């Protein structure tokens, strides 16, 4: 999935649970960070271009596209007394993995294990990706409307 699709899904998750917490700023930042973090393994991604020295360190759809970093970083944020940042990061990260599971390339949730591989039918950047983006963007606008009014 594309950067904007991951952001739209992450924003949807944030808007869906923001009214339940007090530290909404930390939750928001965590969700957005988690939603884009796994693509640090692509030198040409928006996040990879901003941190090119990190992008070259990891194989695309390798360790960063597994559940392990999500759990580790979220736990470290919790230990650093930033629990809402950790919860947000975990939500955003898992949303990224779920979205990439819908693509033809898929992901290995339990990397480095070879199986299971979760694959879908969508092509990243294709019409399906655009449809997912439009759906979640519309859902975001609806949630914002109901939260504001």
N, C-alpha and C. Protein backbone atom coordinates (compact mmCIF):
# COMPACT_ATOMS: atom_id res chain seq x y z
N UNK A 1 0.84 -1.18 0.00
CA UNK A 1 0.00 0.00 0.00
C UNK A 1 0.89 1.24 0.00
N UNK A 2 0.30 2.31 -0.45
CA UNK A 2 1.02 3.58 -0.53
C UNK A 2 0.97 4.33 0.80
N UNK A 3 1.88 5.28 0.94
CA UNK A 3 2.02 6.11 2.14
C UNK A 3 0.67 6.72 2.54
N UNK A 4 -0.01 7.32 1.57
CA UNK A 4 -1.27 8.01 1.87
C UNK A 4 -2.34 7.03 2.34
N UNK A 5 -2.32 5.81 1.83
CA UNK A 5 -3.29 4.80 2.25
C UNK A 5 -3.03 4.41 3.70
N UNK A 6 -1.76 4.20 4.05
CA UNK A 6 -1.42 3.87 5.43
C UNK A 6 -1.81 5.01 6.37
N UNK A 7 -1.61 6.24 5.95
CA UNK A 7 -2.00 7.38 6.79
C UNK A 7 -3.52 7.45 6.96
N UNK A 8 -4.26 7.23 5.89
CA UNK A 8 -5.73 7.28 5.97
C UNK A 8 -6.26 6.20 6.91
N UNK A 9 -5.69 5.01 6.85
CA UNK A 9 -6.12 3.92 7.73
C UNK A 9 -5.73 4.24 9.18
N UNK A 10 -4.50 4.74 9.37
CA UNK A 10 -4.06 5.12 10.71
C UNK A 10 -4.93 6.21 11.31
N UNK A 11 -5.27 7.21 10.51
CA UNK A 11 -6.14 8.28 10.99
C UNK A 11 -7.51 7.74 11.38
N UNK A 12 -8.02 6.80 10.60
CA UNK A 12 -9.30 6.17 10.93
C UNK A 12 -9.24 5.49 12.29
N UNK A 13 -8.17 4.74 12.53
CA UNK A 13 -8.03 4.07 13.83
C UNK A 13 -7.96 5.08 14.96
N UNK A 14 -7.15 6.13 14.75
CA UNK A 14 -7.05 7.17 15.77
C UNK A 14 -8.41 7.78 16.08
N UNK A 15 -9.13 8.18 15.04
CA UNK A 15 -10.43 8.82 15.23
C UNK A 15 -11.44 7.88 15.89
N UNK A 16 -11.27 6.59 15.65
CA UNK A 16 -12.19 5.60 16.21
C UNK A 16 -12.02 5.42 17.72
N UNK A 17 -10.83 5.68 18.24
CA UNK A 17 -10.58 5.43 19.66
C UNK A 17 -10.18 6.69 20.44
N UNK A 18 -9.99 7.81 19.77
CA UNK A 18 -9.48 9.03 20.42
C UNK A 18 -10.37 9.48 21.57
N UNK A 19 -11.67 9.32 21.45
CA UNK A 19 -12.58 9.79 22.50
C UNK A 19 -12.48 8.94 23.77
N UNK A 20 -11.77 7.82 23.71
CA UNK A 20 -11.64 6.93 24.86
C UNK A 20 -10.46 7.28 25.77
N UNK A 21 -9.54 8.13 25.30
CA UNK A 21 -8.30 8.40 26.04
C UNK A 21 -8.15 9.89 26.34
N UNK A 22 -7.27 10.17 27.29
CA UNK A 22 -7.00 11.56 27.65
C UNK A 22 -5.81 12.12 26.86
N UNK A 23 -4.79 11.32 26.67
CA UNK A 23 -3.58 11.78 25.98
C UNK A 23 -3.70 11.61 24.47
N UNK A 24 -4.65 12.32 23.87
CA UNK A 24 -4.91 12.13 22.45
C UNK A 24 -3.72 12.53 21.58
N UNK A 25 -2.93 13.49 22.02
CA UNK A 25 -1.78 13.92 21.23
C UNK A 25 -0.76 12.78 21.09
N UNK A 26 -0.50 12.10 22.21
CA UNK A 26 0.44 10.98 22.18
C UNK A 26 -0.12 9.82 21.35
N UNK A 27 -1.40 9.56 21.51
CA UNK A 27 -2.03 8.51 20.72
C UNK A 27 -1.93 8.82 19.23
N UNK A 28 -2.25 10.06 18.86
CA UNK A 28 -2.20 10.47 17.45
C UNK A 28 -0.79 10.31 16.88
N UNK A 29 0.19 10.86 17.57
CA UNK A 29 1.56 10.78 17.08
C UNK A 29 2.01 9.32 16.97
N UNK A 30 1.64 8.50 17.95
CA UNK A 30 2.01 7.08 17.91
C UNK A 30 1.39 6.34 16.75
N UNK A 31 0.10 6.59 16.50
CA UNK A 31 -0.58 5.92 15.39
C UNK A 31 0.06 6.30 14.06
N UNK A 32 0.29 7.58 13.86
CA UNK A 32 0.88 8.02 12.58
C UNK A 32 2.29 7.47 12.42
N UNK A 33 3.08 7.54 13.48
CA UNK A 33 4.45 7.00 13.42
C UNK A 33 4.42 5.50 13.13
N UNK A 34 3.56 4.77 13.82
CA UNK A 34 3.46 3.33 13.59
C UNK A 34 2.96 2.98 12.21
N UNK A 35 2.07 3.80 11.67
CA UNK A 35 1.50 3.52 10.35
C UNK A 35 2.53 3.67 9.23
N UNK A 36 3.55 4.50 9.43
CA UNK A 36 4.54 4.70 8.36
C UNK A 36 5.88 4.03 8.65
N UNK A 37 6.11 3.63 9.89
CA UNK A 37 7.40 3.08 10.30
C UNK A 37 7.86 1.86 9.49
N UNK A 38 7.00 0.88 9.24
CA UNK A 38 7.49 -0.32 8.54
C UNK A 38 8.10 -0.04 7.17
N UNK A 39 7.71 1.03 6.51
CA UNK A 39 8.26 1.32 5.19
C UNK A 39 9.60 2.03 5.23
N UNK A 40 10.21 2.09 6.41
CA UNK A 40 11.59 2.56 6.49
C UNK A 40 12.53 1.61 5.75
N UNK A 41 12.05 0.43 5.42
CA UNK A 41 12.89 -0.53 4.70
C UNK A 41 12.91 -0.32 3.19
N UNK A 42 12.28 0.76 2.72
CA UNK A 42 12.28 1.08 1.29
C UNK A 42 12.96 2.43 1.11
N UNK A 43 14.06 2.45 0.37
CA UNK A 43 14.80 3.70 0.16
C UNK A 43 13.97 4.75 -0.56
N UNK A 44 13.04 4.32 -1.39
CA UNK A 44 12.26 5.27 -2.18
C UNK A 44 10.94 5.68 -1.52
N UNK A 45 10.63 5.11 -0.36
CA UNK A 45 9.39 5.50 0.33
C UNK A 45 9.55 6.88 0.95
N UNK A 46 8.44 7.52 1.28
CA UNK A 46 8.51 8.84 1.91
C UNK A 46 9.27 8.80 3.22
N UNK A 47 9.05 7.78 4.01
CA UNK A 47 9.78 7.67 5.27
C UNK A 47 11.22 7.23 5.04
N UNK A 48 11.44 6.35 4.08
CA UNK A 48 12.80 5.89 3.77
C UNK A 48 13.69 6.99 3.22
N UNK A 49 13.12 7.90 2.45
CA UNK A 49 13.90 9.02 1.90
C UNK A 49 14.33 9.98 3.00
N UNK A 50 13.55 10.07 4.06
CA UNK A 50 13.90 10.97 5.16
C UNK A 50 14.97 10.38 6.07
N UNK A 51 15.07 9.07 6.10
CA UNK A 51 16.08 8.39 6.90
C UNK A 51 16.79 7.34 6.04
N UNK A 52 17.53 7.78 5.01
CA UNK A 52 18.10 6.84 4.05
C UNK A 52 19.11 5.85 4.65
N UNK A 53 19.80 6.25 5.71
CA UNK A 53 20.76 5.35 6.32
C UNK A 53 20.06 4.15 6.97
N UNK A 54 18.83 4.34 7.42
CA UNK A 54 18.06 3.22 7.97
C UNK A 54 17.45 2.37 6.87
N UNK A 55 17.01 3.02 5.80
CA UNK A 55 16.33 2.31 4.71
C UNK A 55 17.20 1.23 4.10
N UNK A 56 18.50 1.47 4.05
CA UNK A 56 19.39 0.49 3.44
C UNK A 56 19.75 -0.67 4.35
N UNK A 57 19.37 -0.58 5.61
CA UNK A 57 19.75 -1.61 6.58
C UNK A 57 18.85 -2.84 6.56
N UNK A 58 17.64 -2.69 6.03
CA UNK A 58 16.66 -3.75 6.13
C UNK A 58 16.14 -4.18 4.77
N UNK A 59 15.86 -5.46 4.65
CA UNK A 59 15.25 -6.01 3.43
C UNK A 59 13.77 -5.61 3.42
N UNK A 60 13.28 -5.19 2.23
CA UNK A 60 11.88 -4.81 2.15
C UNK A 60 10.97 -6.00 2.41
N UNK A 61 9.95 -5.74 3.20
CA UNK A 61 8.99 -6.74 3.65
C UNK A 61 9.67 -7.85 4.44
N UNK A 62 10.74 -7.45 5.13
CA UNK A 62 11.45 -8.37 6.02
C UNK A 62 11.03 -8.13 7.46
N UNK A 63 12.01 -7.95 8.33
CA UNK A 63 11.75 -7.83 9.77
C UNK A 63 10.83 -6.66 10.11
N UNK A 64 10.96 -5.54 9.40
CA UNK A 64 10.11 -4.39 9.72
C UNK A 64 8.65 -4.61 9.35
N UNK A 65 8.41 -5.60 8.50
CA UNK A 65 7.03 -5.94 8.14
C UNK A 65 6.59 -7.21 8.87
N UNK A 66 6.97 -7.28 10.14
CA UNK A 66 6.54 -8.38 10.99
C UNK A 66 6.05 -7.80 12.31
N UNK A 67 5.46 -8.62 13.10
CA UNK A 67 4.87 -8.16 14.36
C UNK A 67 5.93 -7.87 15.43
N UNK A 68 7.13 -8.43 15.28
CA UNK A 68 8.18 -8.30 16.29
C UNK A 68 8.53 -6.85 16.62
N UNK A 69 8.87 -6.00 15.63
CA UNK A 69 9.20 -4.61 15.98
C UNK A 69 8.03 -3.86 16.60
N UNK A 70 6.83 -4.18 16.19
CA UNK A 70 5.64 -3.52 16.75
C UNK A 70 5.58 -3.77 18.25
N UNK A 71 5.78 -5.00 18.64
CA UNK A 71 5.72 -5.35 20.06
C UNK A 71 6.90 -4.75 20.82
N UNK A 72 8.09 -4.88 20.27
CA UNK A 72 9.29 -4.38 20.95
C UNK A 72 9.22 -2.87 21.17
N UNK A 73 8.97 -2.11 20.10
CA UNK A 73 8.95 -0.65 20.23
C UNK A 73 7.80 -0.17 21.12
N UNK A 74 6.66 -0.81 21.03
CA UNK A 74 5.53 -0.43 21.88
C UNK A 74 5.86 -0.69 23.35
N UNK A 75 6.49 -1.81 23.62
CA UNK A 75 6.88 -2.14 24.99
C UNK A 75 7.92 -1.16 25.51
N UNK A 76 8.88 -0.79 24.66
CA UNK A 76 9.91 0.18 25.08
C UNK A 76 9.28 1.55 25.39
N UNK A 77 8.31 1.95 24.59
CA UNK A 77 7.62 3.21 24.86
C UNK A 77 6.84 3.13 26.17
N UNK A 78 6.26 1.98 26.45
CA UNK A 78 5.56 1.78 27.72
C UNK A 78 6.55 1.89 28.88
N UNK A 79 7.70 1.24 28.75
CA UNK A 79 8.73 1.30 29.79
C UNK A 79 9.26 2.72 29.99
N UNK A 80 9.25 3.51 28.91
CA UNK A 80 9.71 4.91 28.98
C UNK A 80 8.62 5.82 29.54
N UNK A 81 7.57 5.23 30.11
CA UNK A 81 6.45 5.96 30.70
C UNK A 81 5.69 6.78 29.65
N UNK A 82 5.59 6.23 28.45
CA UNK A 82 4.82 6.84 27.36
C UNK A 82 3.79 5.82 26.85
N UNK A 83 2.88 5.40 27.74
CA UNK A 83 1.98 4.31 27.35
C UNK A 83 1.07 4.63 26.18
N UNK A 84 0.53 5.85 26.08
CA UNK A 84 -0.37 6.17 24.96
C UNK A 84 0.40 6.25 23.65
N UNK A 85 1.64 6.69 23.70
CA UNK A 85 2.47 6.69 22.50
C UNK A 85 2.70 5.24 22.06
N UNK A 86 2.94 4.37 23.03
CA UNK A 86 3.13 2.95 22.73
C UNK A 86 1.88 2.29 22.17
N UNK A 87 0.74 2.59 22.75
CA UNK A 87 -0.53 2.03 22.26
C UNK A 87 -0.80 2.53 20.84
N UNK A 88 -0.60 3.82 20.63
CA UNK A 88 -0.79 4.39 19.29
C UNK A 88 0.14 3.78 18.27
N UNK A 89 1.41 3.63 18.65
CA UNK A 89 2.40 3.03 17.76
C UNK A 89 1.99 1.61 17.38
N UNK A 90 1.55 0.85 18.37
CA UNK A 90 1.12 -0.53 18.11
C UNK A 90 -0.08 -0.56 17.17
N UNK A 91 -1.06 0.30 17.41
CA UNK A 91 -2.24 0.37 16.53
C UNK A 91 -1.84 0.72 15.10
N UNK A 92 -1.04 1.77 14.96
CA UNK A 92 -0.61 2.19 13.63
C UNK A 92 0.20 1.13 12.92
N UNK A 93 1.12 0.50 13.64
CA UNK A 93 1.98 -0.52 13.06
C UNK A 93 1.15 -1.72 12.59
N UNK A 94 0.23 -2.17 13.46
CA UNK A 94 -0.61 -3.31 13.09
C UNK A 94 -1.51 -2.97 11.91
N UNK A 95 -1.96 -1.71 11.83
CA UNK A 95 -2.78 -1.32 10.68
C UNK A 95 -1.97 -1.38 9.39
N UNK A 96 -0.69 -1.00 9.48
CA UNK A 96 0.19 -1.07 8.31
C UNK A 96 0.35 -2.52 7.87
N UNK A 97 0.62 -3.39 8.83
CA UNK A 97 0.80 -4.81 8.49
C UNK A 97 -0.48 -5.41 7.92
N UNK A 98 -1.61 -5.06 8.50
CA UNK A 98 -2.89 -5.58 7.99
C UNK A 98 -3.13 -5.11 6.56
N UNK A 99 -2.85 -3.83 6.30
CA UNK A 99 -3.05 -3.30 4.94
C UNK A 99 -2.11 -3.98 3.95
N UNK A 100 -0.85 -4.15 4.33
CA UNK A 100 0.09 -4.80 3.42
C UNK A 100 -0.22 -6.29 3.24
N UNK A 101 -0.95 -6.86 4.17
CA UNK A 101 -1.39 -8.25 4.02
C UNK A 101 -2.39 -8.40 2.88
N UNK A 102 -3.02 -7.30 2.50
CA UNK A 102 -3.99 -7.33 1.41
C UNK A 102 -3.34 -7.28 0.03
N UNK A 103 -2.03 -7.04 -0.01
CA UNK A 103 -1.34 -6.92 -1.30
C UNK A 103 -0.86 -8.28 -1.81
N UNK A 104 -0.58 -8.33 -3.10
CA UNK A 104 -0.12 -9.58 -3.72
C UNK A 104 1.21 -10.04 -3.14
N UNK A 105 2.10 -9.10 -2.78
CA UNK A 105 3.38 -9.48 -2.17
C UNK A 105 3.19 -10.03 -0.77
N UNK A 106 2.22 -9.50 -0.07
CA UNK A 106 1.93 -9.97 1.27
C UNK A 106 3.04 -9.68 2.26
N UNK A 107 2.89 -10.23 3.45
CA UNK A 107 3.92 -10.09 4.48
C UNK A 107 4.03 -11.40 5.27
N UNK A 108 5.13 -11.52 5.98
CA UNK A 108 5.33 -12.63 6.90
C UNK A 108 5.24 -12.06 8.32
N UNK A 109 4.09 -12.20 8.94
CA UNK A 109 3.84 -11.65 10.26
C UNK A 109 4.86 -12.14 11.28
N UNK A 110 5.34 -13.37 11.11
CA UNK A 110 6.25 -13.98 12.09
C UNK A 110 7.68 -14.09 11.56
N UNK A 111 8.06 -13.14 10.69
CA UNK A 111 9.43 -13.12 10.17
C UNK A 111 10.40 -13.28 11.33
N UNK A 112 11.44 -14.08 11.22
CA UNK A 112 12.05 -14.68 10.03
C UNK A 112 11.49 -16.03 9.61
N UNK A 113 10.43 -16.49 10.27
CA UNK A 113 9.82 -17.75 9.84
C UNK A 113 9.31 -17.60 8.41
N UNK A 114 9.51 -18.60 7.61
CA UNK A 114 9.10 -18.55 6.21
C UNK A 114 7.58 -18.57 6.06
N UNK A 115 6.90 -19.22 6.99
CA UNK A 115 5.45 -19.31 6.93
C UNK A 115 4.90 -18.94 8.29
N UNK A 116 3.73 -18.44 8.40
CA UNK A 116 2.77 -18.20 7.33
C UNK A 116 3.04 -16.89 6.60
N UNK A 117 2.68 -16.86 5.34
CA UNK A 117 2.73 -15.64 4.54
C UNK A 117 1.27 -15.24 4.28
N UNK A 118 0.95 -14.01 4.61
CA UNK A 118 -0.40 -13.53 4.38
C UNK A 118 -0.39 -12.68 3.12
N UNK A 119 -1.13 -13.12 2.11
CA UNK A 119 -1.18 -12.42 0.82
C UNK A 119 -2.61 -12.11 0.45
N UNK A 120 -2.77 -11.01 -0.26
CA UNK A 120 -4.08 -10.62 -0.76
C UNK A 120 -4.07 -10.54 -2.27
N UNK A 121 -4.97 -9.73 -2.80
CA UNK A 121 -5.13 -9.63 -4.25
C UNK A 121 -4.82 -8.23 -4.77
N UNK A 122 -4.58 -7.27 -3.88
CA UNK A 122 -4.37 -5.89 -4.31
C UNK A 122 -2.92 -5.64 -4.71
N UNK A 123 -2.74 -4.73 -5.65
CA UNK A 123 -1.40 -4.30 -6.04
C UNK A 123 -1.13 -2.95 -5.40
N UNK A 124 0.00 -2.84 -4.73
CA UNK A 124 0.37 -1.57 -4.11
C UNK A 124 0.46 -0.49 -5.18
N UNK A 125 -0.29 0.59 -5.00
CA UNK A 125 -0.32 1.65 -5.99
C UNK A 125 -1.35 1.44 -7.09
N UNK A 126 -2.04 0.31 -7.04
CA UNK A 126 -3.04 0.00 -8.06
C UNK A 126 -4.41 0.54 -7.70
N UNK A 127 -5.40 0.12 -8.48
CA UNK A 127 -6.76 0.60 -8.30
C UNK A 127 -7.33 0.16 -6.94
N UNK A 128 -6.99 -1.04 -6.50
CA UNK A 128 -7.46 -1.51 -5.20
C UNK A 128 -6.91 -0.68 -4.05
N UNK A 129 -5.64 -0.33 -4.17
CA UNK A 129 -5.00 0.55 -3.18
C UNK A 129 -5.73 1.88 -3.14
N UNK A 130 -6.03 2.42 -4.31
CA UNK A 130 -6.74 3.70 -4.40
C UNK A 130 -8.14 3.59 -3.80
N UNK A 131 -8.81 2.48 -4.02
CA UNK A 131 -10.15 2.28 -3.46
C UNK A 131 -10.10 2.21 -1.93
N UNK A 132 -9.09 1.52 -1.40
CA UNK A 132 -8.92 1.46 0.06
C UNK A 132 -8.66 2.86 0.61
N UNK A 133 -7.80 3.61 -0.08
CA UNK A 133 -7.51 4.99 0.34
C UNK A 133 -8.77 5.85 0.34
N UNK A 134 -9.55 5.78 -0.74
CA UNK A 134 -10.77 6.58 -0.83
C UNK A 134 -11.79 6.18 0.24
N UNK A 135 -11.92 4.88 0.48
CA UNK A 135 -12.85 4.41 1.50
C UNK A 135 -12.48 4.97 2.87
N UNK A 136 -11.20 4.82 3.25
CA UNK A 136 -10.79 5.28 4.58
C UNK A 136 -10.75 6.80 4.67
N UNK A 137 -10.46 7.48 3.58
CA UNK A 137 -10.51 8.94 3.60
C UNK A 137 -11.94 9.42 3.83
N UNK A 138 -12.90 8.79 3.17
CA UNK A 138 -14.31 9.14 3.37
C UNK A 138 -14.73 8.83 4.80
N UNK A 139 -14.31 7.67 5.31
CA UNK A 139 -14.63 7.30 6.69
C UNK A 139 -14.01 8.28 7.67
N UNK A 140 -12.79 8.75 7.38
CA UNK A 140 -12.14 9.75 8.23
C UNK A 140 -12.96 11.03 8.28
N UNK A 141 -13.41 11.48 7.13
CA UNK A 141 -14.21 12.71 7.08
C UNK A 141 -15.52 12.57 7.85
N UNK A 142 -16.14 11.41 7.74
CA UNK A 142 -17.39 11.16 8.46
C UNK A 142 -17.13 11.16 9.97
N UNK A 143 -16.07 10.49 10.41
CA UNK A 143 -15.75 10.47 11.83
C UNK A 143 -15.40 11.87 12.35
N UNK A 144 -14.65 12.63 11.57
CA UNK A 144 -14.31 14.00 11.98
C UNK A 144 -15.60 14.82 12.13
N UNK A 145 -16.50 14.68 11.19
CA UNK A 145 -17.77 15.40 11.25
C UNK A 145 -18.52 15.06 12.54
N UNK A 146 -18.62 13.76 12.85
CA UNK A 146 -19.36 13.36 14.04
C UNK A 146 -18.63 13.73 15.33
N UNK A 147 -17.31 13.75 15.30
CA UNK A 147 -16.57 14.16 16.50
C UNK A 147 -16.65 15.64 16.75
N UNK A 148 -16.73 16.42 15.68
CA UNK A 148 -16.78 17.89 15.82
C UNK A 148 -18.20 18.35 16.12
N UNK A 149 -19.17 17.76 15.46
CA UNK A 149 -20.56 18.21 15.63
C UNK A 149 -21.28 17.21 16.45
